[in-house]
Every structure is written in structure tokens, then in C-alpha cells.
Amino acid sequence: MKALVTIVREQIHSFYLILRLSAFEMKSANTNNYLGRLWEILNPVIQLAVYWLVFGVGVRGSRQIVMENGTHVPFFIWMLTGMIVWFFVNPAISKASKSIYSRIQLIAKMSFPMSAIPAFVIMANFYTHLMLVAVVIVFLQFTDFRVSVYYLQLPYFMLATLAFLLALSLITSTLSTIVRDVQQLIQAALRMTLYLTPLLWQAHKLVIKGVDVTFLLKLNPLYYLVEGYRASLLGTTWYAAGHADYTLYFWSIILAMLMLGSALHVKFRNQFVDFL
């Protein structure tokens, strides 16, 4: 618990610096590109177009997804409102996990807490996420799923996503610095997670040998976040309040991850330069 308090205090005290470094990170990532930051939007849009051609037009056709409240949603719109979470989480986890060992020079010269490094990498991806969410919201205004009062829960799920990423990155960035092979395991796990999360298929009822095992998928915190975004953008339900038990489970997992990540980070960070 002491390590967790230390990390939280460092995040608060370094918040302004994290914002500045994240803005610089985002700007420098596209310095050599002619279209600059526009690629931050174009890349996920192109990938979404491919998914739409494969699953929306090809495999799924004109299939409608039935939401929790009985609302019928076109497959592409249903997929779109879930994939925007993935386009944030996937690069954020990948980059934050290698954020410490890939910044050797910064670590040697730094005069701020090392725990701020994964945080500003995540924030740099969060700016892109905000732009993509804005594009999706504008698109939805030309469909049957316009702005509704359910949008009020969207900031909550954004905050929950940031908490999940920070908690996970404290663990993965520490382990990746100590054992470099961990980064390869993370990449493999991310590829698998894409298909174990209800992003391209609806996990309404998963039955194996007559047994409903949907609850196993819900052990994945991303399930909670994806469904929360969908409920917000499609205006179907107050997801966090309507699934109080699941909300409690989610934040319990986040707290456990934060405690583990903080303990690992505080224990090994004075030795990071030696590992590098």
C-alpha cells in the first residue's frame, strides 16, 4: 500500500509535466510525415474500413446486433463503437510497456519520477483517442444513434480506461525492462485479446458443451470498457449503474493491478539503469 501511495503522489505532482511530455511525444511521432497528425486518424479509419469490408459486407452482411435493451444496431456501427476502445488500448499498452527501456537517455538525465514515463506515453495516445471519438460522434449524428443523455457516462469510461492502462503499464513496463522477452509476450497477448474481447463478435451467449461460459470473457477488464463505450455512444443503458457487481469487480481488479504494479515499480526502478 505504501508503494501505491508513492506512485499516486508522483502522478499528481508530475501531472503538468506529464501533459507537456505527452504533447511533445505526440508531436514528435509525426514530425517526418507530410500529413503529420492526420495519420493518427487515418490509420484507424483505414483499418476500420478493412474490418467493415470483411465483417460488415462479407461475413456478417447486413446483420443487426440486438443490444441489452432490445435496440437493433447495424453490425458496422456496433463494431465501430467498440473498436475505438481497441485503437486506444492496443498501441497504449504496446508503447507504454517498452516506454522505460526504450528511453535510456531520458532516464539517465531525468529529474522526475520514472513512473511518469508510462503515464505520458499513455496520455499521448489518449489525445489521439479523443480525436477519433470526436470523429465517431460526428459520424453517429448521421445515423439513428445521435447524442443522448447517455453520453454523460462517457467521461467515466474514459477515466476507467486510463486507470486500467496506467495500472497495467506499471506492471508491464517494469517486467519488460527486467526481462526483455516480456515485450514479445505482450505483443502476442494483444493479438489474442483482439479476438477474446467482444469487438468483432457479440459475446451474448457463449456455450461450450451445453454450459454458458460467457462469464469467463467478462473476467477481461476490456469487456467492461468496450460495453461501457457502446452503451454511452449508442444510448442504450447506464452501464456502470446497471451492472453494479461488474463495476465493483472491474475496480477491484484495477486496484489489485495498481498495488502490484506500484510494488514492482518501486522495488526495481533504482536498478533500471543496470538492467538497461
Protein backbone atom coordinates (compact mmCIF):
# COMPACT_ATOMS: atom_id res chain seq x y z
CA MET A 1 0.00 0.00 0.00
CA LYS A 2 2.91 2.35 0.72
CA ALA A 3 4.20 1.87 -2.82
CA LEU A 4 0.74 2.66 -4.23
CA VAL A 5 0.56 5.90 -2.24
CA THR A 6 4.02 6.82 -3.53
CA ILE A 7 3.04 6.25 -7.16
CA VAL A 8 -0.25 8.15 -6.83
CA ARG A 9 1.58 11.06 -5.22
CA GLU A 10 4.14 11.08 -8.02
CA GLN A 11 1.41 11.10 -10.68
CA ILE A 12 -0.31 14.06 -9.03
CA HIS A 13 2.88 16.07 -8.52
CA SER A 14 4.06 15.37 -12.08
CA PHE A 15 0.69 15.86 -13.77
CA TYR A 16 1.59 19.11 -15.55
CA LEU A 17 4.90 17.63 -16.73
CA ILE A 18 3.10 14.50 -17.95
CA LEU A 19 0.79 16.67 -20.06
CA ARG A 20 3.73 18.57 -21.57
CA LEU A 21 5.73 15.43 -22.32
CA SER A 22 2.71 13.69 -23.82
CA ALA A 23 2.06 16.64 -26.14
CA PHE A 24 5.71 16.57 -27.24
CA GLU A 25 5.55 12.77 -27.68
CA MET A 26 2.54 13.06 -29.96
CA LYS A 27 4.07 15.90 -31.98
CA SER A 28 7.47 14.24 -32.43
CA ALA A 29 5.90 10.95 -33.55
CA ASN A 30 4.65 12.59 -36.76
CA THR A 31 7.39 15.15 -37.41
CA ASN A 32 8.66 13.48 -40.59
CA ASN A 33 5.23 12.74 -42.07
CA TYR A 34 3.79 15.10 -44.66
CA LEU A 35 0.26 14.69 -43.30
CA GLY A 36 1.52 14.94 -39.72
CA ARG A 37 -1.03 14.20 -37.01
CA LEU A 38 -3.67 13.37 -39.60
CA TRP A 39 -2.15 9.89 -39.73
CA GLU A 40 -3.28 9.38 -36.14
CA ILE A 41 -6.83 9.36 -37.50
CA LEU A 42 -6.20 7.88 -40.96
CA ASN A 43 -4.58 4.68 -39.68
CA PRO A 44 -7.55 3.52 -37.56
CA VAL A 45 -10.02 4.70 -40.21
CA ILE A 46 -8.28 2.59 -42.87
CA GLN A 47 -8.23 -0.41 -40.53
CA LEU A 48 -11.92 0.08 -39.75
CA ALA A 49 -12.67 0.16 -43.47
CA VAL A 50 -10.95 -3.22 -43.86
CA TYR A 51 -12.91 -4.70 -40.95
CA TRP A 52 -16.12 -3.31 -42.44
CA LEU A 53 -15.41 -4.92 -45.83
CA VAL A 54 -14.58 -8.27 -44.23
CA PHE A 55 -17.13 -8.46 -41.43
CA GLY A 56 -19.74 -5.85 -42.34
CA VAL A 57 -20.15 -6.57 -46.04
CA GLY A 58 -18.66 -10.03 -46.38
CA VAL A 59 -19.06 -12.32 -43.39
CA ARG A 60 -21.77 -10.51 -41.45
CA GLY A 61 -23.59 -8.85 -44.31
CA SER A 62 -26.46 -6.66 -43.11
CA ARG A 63 -26.75 -8.39 -39.75
CA GLN A 64 -28.28 -6.44 -36.86
CA ILE A 65 -26.91 -6.70 -33.33
CA VAL A 66 -29.53 -6.80 -30.58
CA MET A 67 -28.42 -4.71 -27.61
CA GLU A 68 -29.23 -5.27 -23.95
CA ASN A 69 -32.30 -3.00 -24.06
CA GLY A 70 -33.61 -4.60 -27.26
CA THR A 71 -32.27 -1.94 -29.64
CA HIS A 72 -31.20 -3.24 -33.04
CA VAL A 73 -27.85 -1.83 -34.19
CA PRO A 74 -26.23 -2.35 -37.62
CA PHE A 75 -23.14 -4.52 -37.25
CA PHE A 76 -20.72 -1.87 -38.54
CA ILE A 77 -21.92 0.77 -36.07
CA TRP A 78 -21.79 -1.78 -33.25
CA MET A 79 -18.25 -2.74 -34.25
CA LEU A 80 -17.19 0.90 -34.66
CA THR A 81 -18.21 1.93 -31.15
CA GLY A 82 -16.20 -0.92 -29.67
CA MET A 83 -13.12 -0.71 -31.87
CA ILE A 84 -12.39 2.89 -30.86
CA VAL A 85 -11.50 1.49 -27.44
CA TRP A 86 -9.16 -1.05 -29.03
CA PHE A 87 -7.45 1.60 -31.16
CA PHE A 88 -6.59 3.38 -27.92
CA VAL A 89 -5.75 0.43 -25.69
CA ASN A 90 -3.68 -1.59 -28.17
CA PRO A 91 -0.98 0.99 -29.00
CA ALA A 92 -1.05 2.43 -25.48
CA ILE A 93 -0.25 -0.94 -23.90
CA SER A 94 2.39 -1.75 -26.51
CA LYS A 95 4.19 1.60 -26.27
CA ALA A 96 3.85 2.05 -22.51
CA SER A 97 5.25 -1.45 -21.90
CA LYS A 98 8.52 -0.56 -23.61
CA SER A 99 8.49 3.09 -22.57
CA ILE A 100 11.17 2.78 -19.89
CA TYR A 101 13.80 0.64 -21.59
CA SER A 102 13.39 2.48 -24.91
CA ARG A 103 14.20 5.82 -23.29
CA ILE A 104 17.66 5.15 -21.93
CA GLN A 105 18.94 8.69 -22.47
CA LEU A 106 15.88 10.25 -20.88
CA ILE A 107 16.21 8.01 -17.82
CA ALA A 108 19.88 8.96 -17.40
CA LYS A 109 19.09 12.69 -17.48
CA MET A 110 15.66 12.71 -15.89
CA SER A 111 14.80 14.73 -12.80
CA PHE A 112 11.22 13.47 -12.45
CA PRO A 113 9.74 10.15 -11.26
CA MET A 114 10.19 7.17 -13.58
CA SER A 115 6.52 6.32 -13.07
CA ALA A 116 5.71 9.38 -15.16
CA ILE A 117 7.20 7.78 -18.29
CA PRO A 118 4.44 5.19 -18.94
CA ALA A 119 1.90 7.83 -17.91
CA PHE A 120 2.90 10.40 -20.54
CA VAL A 121 3.10 7.72 -23.24
CA ILE A 122 -0.48 6.71 -22.41
CA MET A 123 -1.61 10.35 -22.43
CA ALA A 124 -0.06 10.87 -25.87
CA ASN A 125 -2.27 8.06 -27.17
CA PHE A 126 -5.24 9.47 -25.27
CA TYR A 127 -5.13 12.68 -27.33
CA THR A 128 -5.44 10.60 -30.48
CA HIS A 129 -8.27 8.67 -28.86
CA LEU A 130 -10.17 11.89 -28.17
CA MET A 131 -9.88 12.90 -31.82
CA LEU A 132 -11.11 9.51 -33.00
CA VAL A 133 -14.04 9.58 -30.56
CA ALA A 134 -14.96 13.02 -31.90
CA VAL A 135 -14.93 11.66 -35.48
CA VAL A 136 -17.13 8.72 -34.45
CA ILE A 137 -19.59 11.01 -32.64
CA VAL A 138 -19.91 13.21 -35.73
CA PHE A 139 -20.48 10.11 -37.86
CA LEU A 140 -23.18 8.82 -35.50
CA GLN A 141 -25.14 12.05 -35.91
CA PHE A 142 -25.95 10.92 -39.46
CA THR A 143 -27.39 7.64 -38.17
CA ASP A 144 -30.20 6.75 -35.77
CA PHE A 145 -27.79 6.95 -32.84
CA ARG A 146 -27.42 10.64 -32.12
CA VAL A 147 -26.21 12.43 -29.00
CA SER A 148 -28.21 11.40 -25.94
CA VAL A 149 -28.14 11.81 -22.18
CA TYR A 150 -26.17 8.56 -22.01
CA TYR A 151 -23.14 10.46 -23.29
CA LEU A 152 -22.74 11.74 -19.73
CA GLN A 153 -21.21 8.39 -18.75
CA LEU A 154 -18.57 8.54 -21.50
CA PRO A 155 -16.03 10.57 -19.43
CA TYR A 156 -16.33 7.95 -16.69
CA PHE A 157 -15.39 5.14 -19.07
CA MET A 158 -12.52 7.21 -20.46
CA LEU A 159 -11.22 7.67 -16.92
CA ALA A 160 -11.69 3.95 -16.26
CA THR A 161 -9.68 3.15 -19.40
CA LEU A 162 -6.85 5.45 -18.31
CA ALA A 163 -6.81 3.81 -14.87
CA PHE A 164 -6.66 0.36 -16.47
CA LEU A 165 -3.80 1.36 -18.77
CA LEU A 166 -1.76 3.01 -16.02
CA ALA A 167 -2.20 0.02 -13.70
CA LEU A 168 -1.22 -2.44 -16.42
CA SER A 169 1.69 -0.36 -17.71
CA LEU A 170 3.30 -0.17 -14.27
CA ILE A 171 3.46 -3.96 -14.33
CA THR A 172 4.45 -4.50 -17.96
CA SER A 173 6.98 -1.65 -18.23
CA THR A 174 8.79 -2.94 -15.14
CA LEU A 175 8.84 -6.56 -16.27
CA SER A 176 9.83 -5.60 -19.84
CA THR A 177 12.80 -3.66 -18.52
CA ILE A 178 13.96 -6.56 -16.36
CA VAL A 179 13.27 -9.31 -18.91
CA ARG A 180 13.13 -8.02 -22.49
CA ASP A 181 11.28 -11.12 -23.73
CA VAL A 182 8.20 -9.93 -21.84
CA GLN A 183 7.57 -7.39 -24.60
CA GLN A 184 7.20 -10.19 -27.13
CA LEU A 185 4.73 -11.96 -24.85
CA ILE A 186 2.74 -8.73 -24.57
CA GLN A 187 2.50 -8.40 -28.35
CA ALA A 188 1.28 -11.99 -28.64
CA ALA A 189 -1.24 -11.44 -25.84
CA LEU A 190 -2.58 -8.31 -27.56
CA ARG A 191 -3.16 -10.18 -30.81
CA MET A 192 -5.07 -12.85 -28.90
CA THR A 193 -7.04 -10.29 -26.85
CA LEU A 194 -8.47 -8.74 -30.02
CA TYR A 195 -10.47 -11.92 -30.59
CA LEU A 196 -11.23 -12.67 -26.94
CA THR A 197 -12.93 -9.30 -26.46
CA PRO A 198 -16.39 -8.59 -27.97
CA LEU A 199 -15.04 -6.30 -30.67
CA LEU A 200 -15.74 -8.23 -33.87
CA TRP A 201 -18.32 -10.65 -32.50
CA GLN A 202 -21.08 -10.45 -29.92
CA ALA A 203 -20.47 -12.38 -26.72
CA HIS A 204 -24.17 -12.54 -25.90
CA LYS A 205 -24.15 -16.20 -25.03
CA LEU A 206 -21.09 -18.39 -25.39
CA VAL A 207 -22.00 -22.03 -24.85
CA ILE A 208 -19.46 -24.86 -24.71
CA LYS A 209 -20.86 -28.40 -24.35
CA GLY A 210 -24.15 -27.02 -23.08
CA VAL A 211 -22.56 -24.73 -20.49
CA ASP A 212 -22.81 -20.92 -20.72
CA VAL A 213 -19.25 -19.66 -20.20
CA THR A 214 -19.83 -16.01 -21.11
CA PHE A 215 -18.75 -15.08 -17.59
CA LEU A 216 -15.20 -16.17 -18.46
CA LEU A 217 -14.98 -13.44 -21.09
CA LYS A 218 -16.17 -10.89 -18.56
CA LEU A 219 -13.10 -11.58 -16.45
CA ASN A 220 -11.29 -9.46 -19.03
CA PRO A 221 -11.50 -5.78 -17.90
CA LEU A 222 -11.63 -4.71 -21.55
CA TYR A 223 -15.06 -6.32 -21.82
CA TYR A 224 -16.37 -3.82 -19.27
CA LEU A 225 -14.79 -0.86 -21.05
CA VAL A 226 -15.93 -1.84 -24.54
CA GLU A 227 -19.52 -2.45 -23.45
CA GLY A 228 -19.48 0.79 -21.49
CA TYR A 229 -18.40 2.81 -24.52
CA ARG A 230 -21.08 1.15 -26.62
CA ALA A 231 -23.79 1.85 -24.05
CA SER A 232 -22.69 5.50 -23.98
CA LEU A 233 -22.40 6.16 -27.71
CA LEU A 234 -25.42 4.10 -28.75
CA GLY A 235 -27.57 5.38 -25.89
CA THR A 236 -28.76 2.01 -24.68
CA THR A 237 -28.26 1.91 -20.90
CA TRP A 238 -26.48 3.32 -17.86
CA TYR A 239 -23.93 0.54 -17.97
CA ALA A 240 -21.94 1.11 -14.76
CA ALA A 241 -25.03 1.54 -12.59
CA GLY A 242 -26.95 -1.22 -14.33
CA HIS A 243 -24.07 -3.66 -13.78
CA ALA A 244 -23.04 -2.70 -10.25
CA ASP A 245 -21.48 -6.09 -9.50
CA TYR A 246 -19.40 -5.96 -12.67
CA THR A 247 -18.37 -2.37 -11.90
CA LEU A 248 -17.21 -3.44 -8.43
CA TYR A 249 -15.27 -6.33 -9.97
CA PHE A 250 -13.62 -4.03 -12.52
CA TRP A 251 -12.38 -1.51 -9.95
CA SER A 252 -11.25 -4.32 -7.64
CA ILE A 253 -9.08 -5.66 -10.47
CA ILE A 254 -7.73 -2.17 -11.19
CA LEU A 255 -6.84 -1.66 -7.52
CA ALA A 256 -5.11 -5.05 -7.36
CA MET A 257 -3.15 -4.26 -10.54
CA LEU A 258 -2.18 -0.83 -9.21
CA MET A 259 -0.92 -2.31 -5.97
CA LEU A 260 1.09 -4.99 -7.78
CA GLY A 261 2.42 -2.58 -10.41
CA SER A 262 3.38 0.02 -7.81
CA ALA A 263 5.18 -2.56 -5.67
CA LEU A 264 7.15 -3.88 -8.65
CA HIS A 265 7.99 -0.43 -9.99
CA VAL A 266 9.15 1.00 -6.66
CA LYS A 267 11.18 -2.12 -5.87
CA PHE A 268 13.11 -2.27 -9.15
CA ARG A 269 13.24 1.29 -10.51
CA ASN A 270 16.54 2.13 -8.83
CA GLN A 271 18.04 -0.79 -10.75
CA PHE A 272 16.52 0.04 -14.16
CA VAL A 273 19.72 1.63 -15.47
CA ASP A 274 21.64 -1.52 -14.51
CA PHE A 275 19.18 -3.67 -16.46
CA LEU A 276 19.49 -1.35 -19.45
